[in-house]
Amino acid sequence: MRRRQAREIALQSLFAIELGKVPPAEMLESLIEGQAVSKETADFATLLVDGVLNNREELDDLITTHARDWKLDRMPYVDRNIMRIAVYELVHLSDIPVSVSINEAVELAKAFGNDDSPKFINGILGQIVKTKTPLKDVD
């Protein structure tokens, strides 16, 4: 399975859903078909999108609490959706090491965000991990 590709698909889906008010299943299906991914990759992308959408309030609360002087609606769409994916992984997917979730978020930020995104996202996720245990075992 290519989890990085699944995260990219999830990010693109969440971004489009938030911006364009596109139905989640339709957007996700379109991206999965367009990239001809394995079933495992598609399943992981779907898990991430569904997980973020179903737990969005909880995820947004955690991000907002740890983003000093930043309101969620003022953050770039890409940054906040990268963080939602990472925080979902940190809180709900115990099989993924904390360091992997954070590293993957930073890599997504490098690829899709602006020049400040990787540092911004890493800082907020680091604060969440420091102050929010029992996320899962920190590596």
Foldseek 3Di string as FASTA:
>chain_A
DDQLVLLVLLLVLQLCCVVVVDPSVVSLVVSCVVVVDDPVSSVNSVVLNVLCVVCVVVQLVLLCVQQPPDHPVPDDSSLSSLSSSLLSCLQPPQVDANVRSLVSSLVSCVVPNDPCRSVSSSRSSVSSVVPDPVSDDHD
